[in-house]
Amino acid sequence: MNNRKQIQVKFPLWEYLNQPLIHPYQKLILNPRQFALVYRVEFLNKCLAKECDAKGHY
């Protein structure tokens, strides 16, 4: 039996559909799998860049 809960990030459909068509710095990604991979990497980078408000409390 597998007791670990799996965290599954759903496909970012809204972000995929709202990609800018013509942008000088952001490339349009039409492949959904590639877009999901790039999105997850960027999302992880944003999460890691955030500062925690609970620093120094303990």
N, C-alpha and C. Protein backbone atom coordinates (compact mmCIF):
# COMPACT_ATOMS: atom_id res chain seq x y z
N MET A 1 0.84 -1.19 0.00
CA MET A 1 0.00 0.00 0.00
C MET A 1 0.87 1.24 0.00
N ASN A 2 0.46 2.20 -0.72
CA ASN A 2 1.18 3.46 -0.80
C ASN A 2 0.42 4.48 0.06
N ASN A 3 1.01 4.88 1.17
CA ASN A 3 0.35 5.80 2.10
C ASN A 3 0.67 7.26 1.80
N ARG A 4 1.63 7.50 0.91
CA ARG A 4 1.99 8.88 0.60
C ARG A 4 0.95 9.51 -0.32
N LYS A 5 0.59 10.73 -0.01
CA LYS A 5 -0.32 11.46 -0.87
C LYS A 5 0.49 12.10 -2.00
N GLN A 6 -0.01 11.99 -3.19
CA GLN A 6 0.67 12.57 -4.33
C GLN A 6 0.09 13.94 -4.60
N ILE A 7 0.97 14.90 -4.74
CA ILE A 7 0.56 16.26 -5.09
C ILE A 7 0.62 16.37 -6.60
N GLN A 8 -0.48 16.73 -7.19
CA GLN A 8 -0.53 16.81 -8.63
C GLN A 8 -0.94 18.22 -9.04
N VAL A 9 -0.08 18.86 -9.81
CA VAL A 9 -0.37 20.19 -10.31
C VAL A 9 -1.14 20.03 -11.62
N LYS A 10 -2.29 20.63 -11.69
CA LYS A 10 -3.12 20.51 -12.88
C LYS A 10 -2.56 21.38 -14.00
N PHE A 11 -2.97 21.08 -15.22
CA PHE A 11 -2.50 21.83 -16.37
C PHE A 11 -3.00 23.27 -16.29
N PRO A 12 -2.10 24.22 -16.49
CA PRO A 12 -2.49 25.64 -16.42
C PRO A 12 -3.17 26.09 -17.71
N LEU A 13 -4.41 25.68 -17.89
CA LEU A 13 -5.13 25.93 -19.14
C LEU A 13 -5.31 27.43 -19.40
N TRP A 14 -5.70 28.16 -18.39
CA TRP A 14 -5.95 29.59 -18.58
C TRP A 14 -4.67 30.32 -19.00
N GLU A 15 -3.55 29.99 -18.38
CA GLU A 15 -2.27 30.62 -18.74
C GLU A 15 -1.85 30.21 -20.15
N TYR A 16 -2.12 28.96 -20.51
CA TYR A 16 -1.79 28.46 -21.85
C TYR A 16 -2.58 29.21 -22.92
N LEU A 17 -3.87 29.40 -22.66
CA LEU A 17 -4.71 30.08 -23.65
C LEU A 17 -4.46 31.58 -23.71
N ASN A 18 -3.91 32.16 -22.66
CA ASN A 18 -3.68 33.61 -22.62
C ASN A 18 -2.22 33.99 -22.87
N GLN A 19 -1.50 33.17 -23.58
CA GLN A 19 -0.14 33.52 -23.93
C GLN A 19 -0.15 34.68 -24.92
N PRO A 20 0.80 35.59 -24.79
CA PRO A 20 0.88 36.66 -25.79
C PRO A 20 1.34 36.10 -27.14
N LEU A 21 0.67 36.50 -28.20
CA LEU A 21 1.02 36.00 -29.53
C LEU A 21 2.32 36.61 -30.05
N ILE A 22 2.44 37.90 -29.89
CA ILE A 22 3.65 38.59 -30.36
C ILE A 22 4.23 39.36 -29.18
N HIS A 23 5.36 38.88 -28.68
CA HIS A 23 6.03 39.51 -27.55
C HIS A 23 7.52 39.40 -27.78
N PRO A 24 8.26 40.50 -27.60
CA PRO A 24 9.71 40.44 -27.90
C PRO A 24 10.52 39.59 -26.93
N TYR A 25 10.04 39.37 -25.71
CA TYR A 25 10.82 38.66 -24.70
C TYR A 25 10.26 37.29 -24.33
N GLN A 26 9.04 37.02 -24.69
CA GLN A 26 8.41 35.75 -24.32
C GLN A 26 8.02 34.99 -25.57
N LYS A 27 8.52 33.78 -25.70
CA LYS A 27 8.25 32.96 -26.87
C LYS A 27 6.91 32.24 -26.72
N LEU A 28 6.15 32.19 -27.80
CA LEU A 28 4.88 31.46 -27.82
C LEU A 28 5.18 29.97 -27.86
N ILE A 29 4.59 29.22 -26.93
CA ILE A 29 4.79 27.77 -26.87
C ILE A 29 3.48 27.10 -27.22
N LEU A 30 3.46 26.40 -28.35
CA LEU A 30 2.23 25.76 -28.80
C LEU A 30 2.09 24.33 -28.29
N ASN A 31 3.17 23.69 -27.95
CA ASN A 31 3.14 22.33 -27.42
C ASN A 31 2.68 22.37 -25.96
N PRO A 32 1.54 21.77 -25.63
CA PRO A 32 1.03 21.83 -24.25
C PRO A 32 1.95 21.20 -23.22
N ARG A 33 2.62 20.11 -23.58
CA ARG A 33 3.54 19.47 -22.63
C ARG A 33 4.74 20.36 -22.33
N GLN A 34 5.27 20.97 -23.37
CA GLN A 34 6.41 21.87 -23.17
C GLN A 34 5.99 23.09 -22.37
N PHE A 35 4.79 23.62 -22.65
CA PHE A 35 4.31 24.76 -21.90
C PHE A 35 4.14 24.42 -20.43
N ALA A 36 3.59 23.25 -20.13
CA ALA A 36 3.38 22.83 -18.74
C ALA A 36 4.72 22.71 -18.02
N LEU A 37 5.73 22.18 -18.69
CA LEU A 37 7.05 22.05 -18.09
C LEU A 37 7.66 23.41 -17.78
N VAL A 38 7.61 24.31 -18.75
CA VAL A 38 8.16 25.66 -18.55
C VAL A 38 7.39 26.40 -17.46
N TYR A 39 6.07 26.25 -17.45
CA TYR A 39 5.24 26.90 -16.45
C TYR A 39 5.58 26.42 -15.04
N ARG A 40 5.75 25.11 -14.88
CA ARG A 40 6.06 24.55 -13.56
C ARG A 40 7.43 25.02 -13.07
N VAL A 41 8.39 25.10 -13.97
CA VAL A 41 9.72 25.57 -13.58
C VAL A 41 9.66 27.04 -13.16
N GLU A 42 8.96 27.87 -13.93
CA GLU A 42 8.83 29.28 -13.57
C GLU A 42 8.05 29.46 -12.27
N PHE A 43 7.02 28.64 -12.06
CA PHE A 43 6.24 28.71 -10.84
C PHE A 43 7.09 28.34 -9.62
N LEU A 44 7.91 27.30 -9.77
CA LEU A 44 8.81 26.90 -8.69
C LEU A 44 9.82 28.00 -8.38
N ASN A 45 10.34 28.63 -9.41
CA ASN A 45 11.29 29.74 -9.19
C ASN A 45 10.62 30.90 -8.45
N LYS A 46 9.38 31.21 -8.80
CA LYS A 46 8.66 32.28 -8.10
C LYS A 46 8.43 31.92 -6.64
N CYS A 47 8.09 30.67 -6.37
CA CYS A 47 7.85 30.22 -4.99
C CYS A 47 9.13 30.28 -4.17
N LEU A 48 10.24 29.87 -4.76
CA LEU A 48 11.51 29.88 -4.04
C LEU A 48 12.03 31.30 -3.82
N ALA A 49 11.64 32.24 -4.67
CA ALA A 49 12.09 33.62 -4.55
C ALA A 49 11.32 34.39 -3.48
N LYS A 50 10.15 33.90 -3.09
CA LYS A 50 9.35 34.59 -2.07
C LYS A 50 10.03 34.49 -0.72
N GLU A 51 9.87 35.53 0.05
CA GLU A 51 10.41 35.52 1.41
C GLU A 51 9.35 35.03 2.37
N CYS A 52 9.78 34.33 3.37
CA CYS A 52 8.87 33.81 4.38
C CYS A 52 8.67 34.87 5.46
N ASP A 53 7.42 35.13 5.84
CA ASP A 53 7.13 36.13 6.86
C ASP A 53 7.45 35.63 8.27
N ALA A 54 7.61 34.36 8.44
CA ALA A 54 7.81 33.79 9.77
C ALA A 54 9.28 33.75 10.19
N LYS A 55 10.16 34.37 9.44
CA LYS A 55 11.58 34.35 9.79
C LYS A 55 11.80 35.10 11.12
N GLY A 56 12.63 34.53 11.95
CA GLY A 56 13.01 35.20 13.18
C GLY A 56 11.98 35.10 14.30
N HIS A 57 10.87 34.47 14.07
CA HIS A 57 9.85 34.35 15.11
C HIS A 57 10.29 33.36 16.18
N TYR A 58 11.04 32.34 15.78
CA TYR A 58 11.48 31.34 16.74
C TYR A 58 12.94 31.45 16.98
